[in-house]
Each structure stands twice: as C-alpha cells, then as structure tokens.
Amino acid sequence: MSEFNLTISQAQHDLLVRMLSTAVKSKRVEVHRTEFSRDYRHELEAEEAEMQALLEKLSTAAAV
C-alpha cells in the first residue's frame, strides 16, 4: 500500500472532514437501502469502511 503526505490548511481540513462525514452518512443510507445484490451491498459496505477509516485518520491528525 502506498502512503501519501498532504499538507492542507486548517480550513481545508475542516471542509474535508465535513464533506467526508456527509458522504459516510449518505453511503450508510445507500447500504441500508440496497436489497437486491449482495455483492453490490458488500462493495458499498467496504467503501463506507474505507471512508470511515479516512475520517478517523483526519480526526486523529487534528488532535495532534
């Protein structure tokens, strides 16, 4: 897995956190409403998990 370093301002960080939080909530709704395809639902759940992990990293970075 490649790692990346990114320098952003506090305002950009805050915006990214807000946007990602909204995207996680939307993804959760999409997962909940997906009934027909188990494979697709699993893909959505994986995306949600990745977004949540990124959000946690951003929150941790802000606390440092």
PDB file of N, CA and C in Angstrom:
ATOM      1  N   MET A   1       0.843  -1.167   0.000  1.00  0.00           N
ATOM      2  CA  MET A   1       0.000   0.000   0.000  1.00  0.00           C
ATOM      3  C   MET A   1       0.895   1.238   0.000  1.00  0.00           C
ATOM      4  N   SER A   2       0.614   2.144  -0.872  1.00  0.00           N
ATOM      5  CA  SER A   2       1.353   3.401  -0.931  1.00  0.00           C
ATOM      6  C   SER A   2       0.849   4.351   0.148  1.00  0.00           C
ATOM      7  N   GLU A   3       1.747   5.166   0.640  1.00  0.00           N
ATOM      8  CA  GLU A   3       1.360   6.192   1.598  1.00  0.00           C
ATOM      9  C   GLU A   3       1.623   7.549   0.989  1.00  0.00           C
ATOM     10  N   PHE A   4       0.782   8.505   1.341  1.00  0.00           N
ATOM     11  CA  PHE A   4       0.897   9.856   0.814  1.00  0.00           C
ATOM     12  C   PHE A   4       0.890  10.848   1.963  1.00  0.00           C
ATOM     13  N   ASN A   5       1.656  11.897   1.817  1.00  0.00           N
ATOM     14  CA  ASN A   5       1.621  13.024   2.744  1.00  0.00           C
ATOM     15  C   ASN A   5       1.000  14.193   2.016  1.00  0.00           C
ATOM     16  N   LEU A   6       0.144  14.904   2.708  1.00  0.00           N
ATOM     17  CA  LEU A   6      -0.574  16.016   2.102  1.00  0.00           C
ATOM     18  C   LEU A   6      -0.605  17.162   3.101  1.00  0.00           C
ATOM     19  N   THR A   7      -0.178  18.306   2.680  1.00  0.00           N
ATOM     20  CA  THR A   7      -0.222  19.479   3.538  1.00  0.00           C
ATOM     21  C   THR A   7      -1.425  20.317   3.133  1.00  0.00           C
ATOM     22  N   ILE A   8      -2.326  20.516   4.092  1.00  0.00           N
ATOM     23  CA  ILE A   8      -3.516  21.330   3.840  1.00  0.00           C
ATOM     24  C   ILE A   8      -3.694  22.304   5.009  1.00  0.00           C
ATOM     25  N   SER A   9      -4.434  23.358   4.736  1.00  0.00           N
ATOM     26  CA  SER A   9      -4.703  24.349   5.779  1.00  0.00           C
ATOM     27  C   SER A   9      -5.779  23.806   6.728  1.00  0.00           C
ATOM     28  N   GLN A  10      -5.940  24.486   7.858  1.00  0.00           N
ATOM     29  CA  GLN A  10      -6.977  24.076   8.815  1.00  0.00           C
ATOM     30  C   GLN A  10      -8.362  24.183   8.184  1.00  0.00           C
ATOM     31  N   ALA A  11      -8.578  25.233   7.412  1.00  0.00           N
ATOM     32  CA  ALA A  11      -9.872  25.410   6.741  1.00  0.00           C
ATOM     33  C   ALA A  11     -10.131  24.272   5.756  1.00  0.00           C
ATOM     34  N   GLN A  12      -9.111  23.865   5.012  1.00  0.00           N
ATOM     35  CA  GLN A  12      -9.257  22.750   4.074  1.00  0.00           C
ATOM     36  C   GLN A  12      -9.515  21.446   4.824  1.00  0.00           C
ATOM     37  N   HIS A  13      -8.836  21.268   5.938  1.00  0.00           N
ATOM     38  CA  HIS A  13      -9.039  20.078   6.773  1.00  0.00           C
ATOM     39  C   HIS A  13     -10.475  20.018   7.261  1.00  0.00           C
ATOM     40  N   ASP A  14     -10.962  21.138   7.788  1.00  0.00           N
ATOM     41  CA  ASP A  14     -12.330  21.193   8.298  1.00  0.00           C
ATOM     42  C   ASP A  14     -13.351  20.896   7.205  1.00  0.00           C
ATOM     43  N   LEU A  15     -13.123  21.454   6.026  1.00  0.00           N
ATOM     44  CA  LEU A  15     -14.009  21.211   4.889  1.00  0.00           C
ATOM     45  C   LEU A  15     -13.992  19.736   4.504  1.00  0.00           C
ATOM     46  N   LEU A  16     -12.819  19.156   4.440  1.00  0.00           N
ATOM     47  CA  LEU A  16     -12.689  17.742   4.086  1.00  0.00           C
ATOM     48  C   LEU A  16     -13.406  16.849   5.093  1.00  0.00           C
ATOM     49  N   VAL A  17     -13.274  17.151   6.366  1.00  0.00           N
ATOM     50  CA  VAL A  17     -13.950  16.378   7.404  1.00  0.00           C
ATOM     51  C   VAL A  17     -15.464  16.490   7.255  1.00  0.00           C
ATOM     52  N   ARG A  18     -15.960  17.695   7.022  1.00  0.00           N
ATOM     53  CA  ARG A  18     -17.414  17.873   6.845  1.00  0.00           C
ATOM     54  C   ARG A  18     -17.919  17.124   5.623  1.00  0.00           C
ATOM     55  N   MET A  19     -17.197  17.239   4.526  1.00  0.00           N
ATOM     56  CA  MET A  19     -17.619  16.563   3.288  1.00  0.00           C
ATOM     57  C   MET A  19     -17.585  15.044   3.457  1.00  0.00           C
ATOM     58  N   LEU A  20     -16.547  14.547   4.090  1.00  0.00           N
ATOM     59  CA  LEU A  20     -16.421  13.111   4.287  1.00  0.00           C
ATOM     60  C   LEU A  20     -17.481  12.589   5.254  1.00  0.00           C
ATOM     61  N   SER A  21     -17.795  13.350   6.280  1.00  0.00           N
ATOM     62  CA  SER A  21     -18.854  12.963   7.220  1.00  0.00           C
ATOM     63  C   SER A  21     -20.197  12.842   6.506  1.00  0.00           C
ATOM     64  N   THR A  22     -20.475  13.799   5.646  1.00  0.00           N
ATOM     65  CA  THR A  22     -21.712  13.762   4.867  1.00  0.00           C
ATOM     66  C   THR A  22     -21.727  12.560   3.927  1.00  0.00           C
ATOM     67  N   ALA A  23     -20.595  12.284   3.299  1.00  0.00           N
ATOM     68  CA  ALA A  23     -20.506  11.150   2.377  1.00  0.00           C
ATOM     69  C   ALA A  23     -20.690   9.819   3.104  1.00  0.00           C
ATOM     70  N   VAL A  24     -20.145   9.711   4.314  1.00  0.00           N
ATOM     71  CA  VAL A  24     -20.312   8.475   5.094  1.00  0.00           C
ATOM     72  C   VAL A  24     -21.780   8.263   5.429  1.00  0.00           C
ATOM     73  N   LYS A  25     -22.457   9.330   5.840  1.00  0.00           N
ATOM     74  CA  LYS A  25     -23.888   9.225   6.160  1.00  0.00           C
ATOM     75  C   LYS A  25     -24.688   8.803   4.927  1.00  0.00           C
ATOM     76  N   SER A  26     -24.388   9.386   3.796  1.00  0.00           N
ATOM     77  CA  SER A  26     -25.085   9.042   2.556  1.00  0.00           C
ATOM     78  C   SER A  26     -24.818   7.588   2.159  1.00  0.00           C
ATOM     79  N   LYS A  27     -23.575   7.168   2.334  1.00  0.00           N
ATOM     80  CA  LYS A  27     -23.218   5.789   1.988  1.00  0.00           C
ATOM     81  C   LYS A  27     -23.953   4.812   2.889  1.00  0.00           C
ATOM     82  N   ARG A  28     -24.079   5.163   4.170  1.00  0.00           N
ATOM     83  CA  ARG A  28     -24.797   4.312   5.120  1.00  0.00           C
ATOM     84  C   ARG A  28     -26.249   4.120   4.677  1.00  0.00           C
ATOM     85  N   VAL A  29     -26.874   5.201   4.237  1.00  0.00           N
ATOM     86  CA  VAL A  29     -28.259   5.125   3.749  1.00  0.00           C
ATOM     87  C   VAL A  29     -28.315   4.248   2.509  1.00  0.00           C
ATOM     88  N   GLU A  30     -27.361   4.426   1.603  1.00  0.00           N
ATOM     89  CA  GLU A  30     -27.333   3.629   0.372  1.00  0.00           C
ATOM     90  C   GLU A  30     -27.174   2.144   0.700  1.00  0.00           C
ATOM     91  N   VAL A  31     -26.295   1.823   1.638  1.00  0.00           N
ATOM     92  CA  VAL A  31     -26.112   0.423   2.047  1.00  0.00           C
ATOM     93  C   VAL A  31     -27.416  -0.117   2.607  1.00  0.00           C
ATOM     94  N   HIS A  32     -28.056   0.653   3.466  1.00  0.00           N
ATOM     95  CA  HIS A  32     -29.299   0.217   4.096  1.00  0.00           C
ATOM     96  C   HIS A  32     -30.403  -0.050   3.069  1.00  0.00           C
ATOM     97  N   ARG A  33     -30.427   0.750   2.021  1.00  0.00           N
ATOM     98  CA  ARG A  33     -31.497   0.626   1.016  1.00  0.00           C
ATOM     99  C   ARG A  33     -31.180  -0.385  -0.085  1.00  0.00           C
ATOM    100  N   THR A  34     -29.981  -0.919  -0.086  1.00  0.00           N
ATOM    101  CA  THR A  34     -29.600  -1.879  -1.120  1.00  0.00           C
ATOM    102  C   THR A  34     -30.021  -3.275  -0.679  1.00  0.00           C
ATOM    103  N   GLU A  35     -30.957  -3.846  -1.405  1.00  0.00           N
ATOM    104  CA  GLU A  35     -31.513  -5.146  -1.033  1.00  0.00           C
ATOM    105  C   GLU A  35     -31.270  -6.226  -2.072  1.00  0.00           C
ATOM    106  N   PHE A  36     -31.093  -5.857  -3.319  1.00  0.00           N
ATOM    107  CA  PHE A  36     -31.159  -6.829  -4.396  1.00  0.00           C
ATOM    108  C   PHE A  36     -29.855  -7.573  -4.642  1.00  0.00           C
ATOM    109  N   SER A  37     -28.754  -6.920  -4.509  1.00  0.00           N
ATOM    110  CA  SER A  37     -27.480  -7.537  -4.850  1.00  0.00           C
ATOM    111  C   SER A  37     -26.557  -7.566  -3.633  1.00  0.00           C
ATOM    112  N   ARG A  38     -26.283  -8.756  -3.158  1.00  0.00           N
ATOM    113  CA  ARG A  38     -25.384  -8.892  -2.003  1.00  0.00           C
ATOM    114  C   ARG A  38     -23.980  -8.415  -2.339  1.00  0.00           C
ATOM    115  N   ASP A  39     -23.526  -8.746  -3.540  1.00  0.00           N
ATOM    116  CA  ASP A  39     -22.178  -8.324  -3.937  1.00  0.00           C
ATOM    117  C   ASP A  39     -22.052  -6.807  -3.945  1.00  0.00           C
ATOM    118  N   TYR A  40     -23.049  -6.150  -4.511  1.00  0.00           N
ATOM    119  CA  TYR A  40     -23.029  -4.689  -4.557  1.00  0.00           C
ATOM    120  C   TYR A  40     -23.090  -4.113  -3.146  1.00  0.00           C
ATOM    121  N   ARG A  41     -23.915  -4.714  -2.304  1.00  0.00           N
ATOM    122  CA  ARG A  41     -24.022  -4.243  -0.920  1.00  0.00           C
ATOM    123  C   ARG A  41     -22.676  -4.383  -0.202  1.00  0.00           C
ATOM    124  N   HIS A  42     -21.977  -5.477  -0.430  1.00  0.00           N
ATOM    125  CA  HIS A  42     -20.667  -5.670   0.188  1.00  0.00           C
ATOM    126  C   HIS A  42     -19.664  -4.627  -0.314  1.00  0.00           C
ATOM    127  N   GLU A  43     -19.745  -4.281  -1.597  1.00  0.00           N
ATOM    128  CA  GLU A  43     -18.883  -3.227  -2.140  1.00  0.00           C
ATOM    129  C   GLU A  43     -19.169  -1.895  -1.443  1.00  0.00           C
ATOM    130  N   LEU A  44     -20.449  -1.592  -1.262  1.00  0.00           N
ATOM    131  CA  LEU A  44     -20.822  -0.355  -0.590  1.00  0.00           C
ATOM    132  C   LEU A  44     -20.339  -0.342   0.858  1.00  0.00           C
ATOM    133  N   GLU A  45     -20.467  -1.469   1.531  1.00  0.00           N
ATOM    134  CA  GLU A  45     -20.004  -1.562   2.917  1.00  0.00           C
ATOM    135  C   GLU A  45     -18.493  -1.368   3.006  1.00  0.00           C
ATOM    136  N   ALA A  46     -17.766  -1.900   2.039  1.00  0.00           N
ATOM    137  CA  ALA A  46     -16.312  -1.726   2.015  1.00  0.00           C
ATOM    138  C   ALA A  46     -15.952  -0.261   1.791  1.00  0.00           C
ATOM    139  N   GLU A  47     -16.667   0.405   0.883  1.00  0.00           N
ATOM    140  CA  GLU A  47     -16.434   1.828   0.645  1.00  0.00           C
ATOM    141  C   GLU A  47     -16.722   2.638   1.908  1.00  0.00           C
ATOM    142  N   GLU A  48     -17.807   2.307   2.577  1.00  0.00           N
ATOM    143  CA  GLU A  48     -18.164   3.005   3.810  1.00  0.00           C
ATOM    144  C   GLU A  48     -17.060   2.830   4.858  1.00  0.00           C
ATOM    145  N   ALA A  49     -16.550   1.624   4.983  1.00  0.00           N
ATOM    146  CA  ALA A  49     -15.482   1.349   5.952  1.00  0.00           C
ATOM    147  C   ALA A  49     -14.218   2.147   5.619  1.00  0.00           C
ATOM    148  N   GLU A  50     -13.874   2.231   4.345  1.00  0.00           N
ATOM    149  CA  GLU A  50     -12.693   3.000   3.935  1.00  0.00           C
ATOM    150  C   GLU A  50     -12.881   4.487   4.227  1.00  0.00           C
ATOM    151  N   MET A  51     -14.070   5.001   3.958  1.00  0.00           N
ATOM    152  CA  MET A  51     -14.338   6.410   4.225  1.00  0.00           C
ATOM    153  C   MET A  51     -14.292   6.687   5.726  1.00  0.00           C
ATOM    154  N   GLN A  52     -14.829   5.773   6.513  1.00  0.00           N
ATOM    155  CA  GLN A  52     -14.819   5.940   7.964  1.00  0.00           C
ATOM    156  C   GLN A  52     -13.386   5.902   8.495  1.00  0.00           C
ATOM    157  N   ALA A  53     -12.556   5.014   7.953  1.00  0.00           N
ATOM    158  CA  ALA A  53     -11.162   4.924   8.371  1.00  0.00           C
ATOM    159  C   ALA A  53     -10.424   6.222   8.041  1.00  0.00           C
ATOM    160  N   LEU A  54     -10.694   6.783   6.875  1.00  0.00           N
ATOM    161  CA  LEU A  54     -10.072   8.044   6.487  1.00  0.00           C
ATOM    162  C   LEU A  54     -10.518   9.174   7.407  1.00  0.00           C
ATOM    163  N   LEU A  55     -11.791   9.195   7.732  1.00  0.00           N
ATOM    164  CA  LEU A  55     -12.316  10.212   8.637  1.00  0.00           C
ATOM    165  C   LEU A  55     -11.660  10.107  10.012  1.00  0.00           C
ATOM    166  N   GLU A  56     -11.453   8.898  10.486  1.00  0.00           N
ATOM    167  CA  GLU A  56     -10.781   8.688  11.775  1.00  0.00           C
ATOM    168  C   GLU A  56      -9.330   9.174  11.722  1.00  0.00           C
ATOM    169  N   LYS A  57      -8.660   8.926  10.608  1.00  0.00           N
ATOM    170  CA  LYS A  57      -7.281   9.415  10.464  1.00  0.00           C
ATOM    171  C   LYS A  57      -7.247  10.938  10.488  1.00  0.00           C
ATOM    172  N   LEU A  58      -8.195  11.562   9.817  1.00  0.00           N
ATOM    173  CA  LEU A  58      -8.256  13.026   9.808  1.00  0.00           C
ATOM    174  C   LEU A  58      -8.531  13.571  11.209  1.00  0.00           C
ATOM    175  N   SER A  59      -9.396  12.898  11.947  1.00  0.00           N
ATOM    176  CA  SER A  59      -9.702  13.324  13.307  1.00  0.00           C
ATOM    177  C   SER A  59      -8.503  13.176  14.214  1.00  0.00           C
ATOM    178  N   THR A  60      -7.765  12.085  14.027  1.00  0.00           N
ATOM    179  CA  THR A  60      -6.556  11.843  14.817  1.00  0.00           C
ATOM    180  C   THR A  60      -5.498  12.882  14.490  1.00  0.00           C
ATOM    181  N   ALA A  61      -5.361  13.209  13.217  1.00  0.00           N
ATOM    182  CA  ALA A  61      -4.360  14.192  12.790  1.00  0.00           C
ATOM    183  C   ALA A  61      -4.674  15.574  13.375  1.00  0.00           C
ATOM    184  N   ALA A  62      -5.937  15.882  13.497  1.00  0.00           N
ATOM    185  CA  ALA A  62      -6.326  17.189  14.034  1.00  0.00           C
ATOM    186  C   ALA A  62      -6.024  17.282  15.521  1.00  0.00           C
ATOM    187  N   ALA A  63      -6.066  16.154  16.211  1.00  0.00           N
ATOM    188  CA  ALA A  63      -5.825  16.143  17.648  1.00  0.00           C
ATOM    189  C   ALA A  63      -4.339  16.280  17.987  1.00  0.00           C
ATOM    190  N   VAL A  64      -3.471  15.993  17.025  1.00  0.00           N
ATOM    191  CA  VAL A  64      -2.031  16.038  17.276  1.00  0.00           C
ATOM    192  C   VAL A  64      -1.500  17.442  17.236  1.00  0.00           C
TER     193      VAL A  64
END
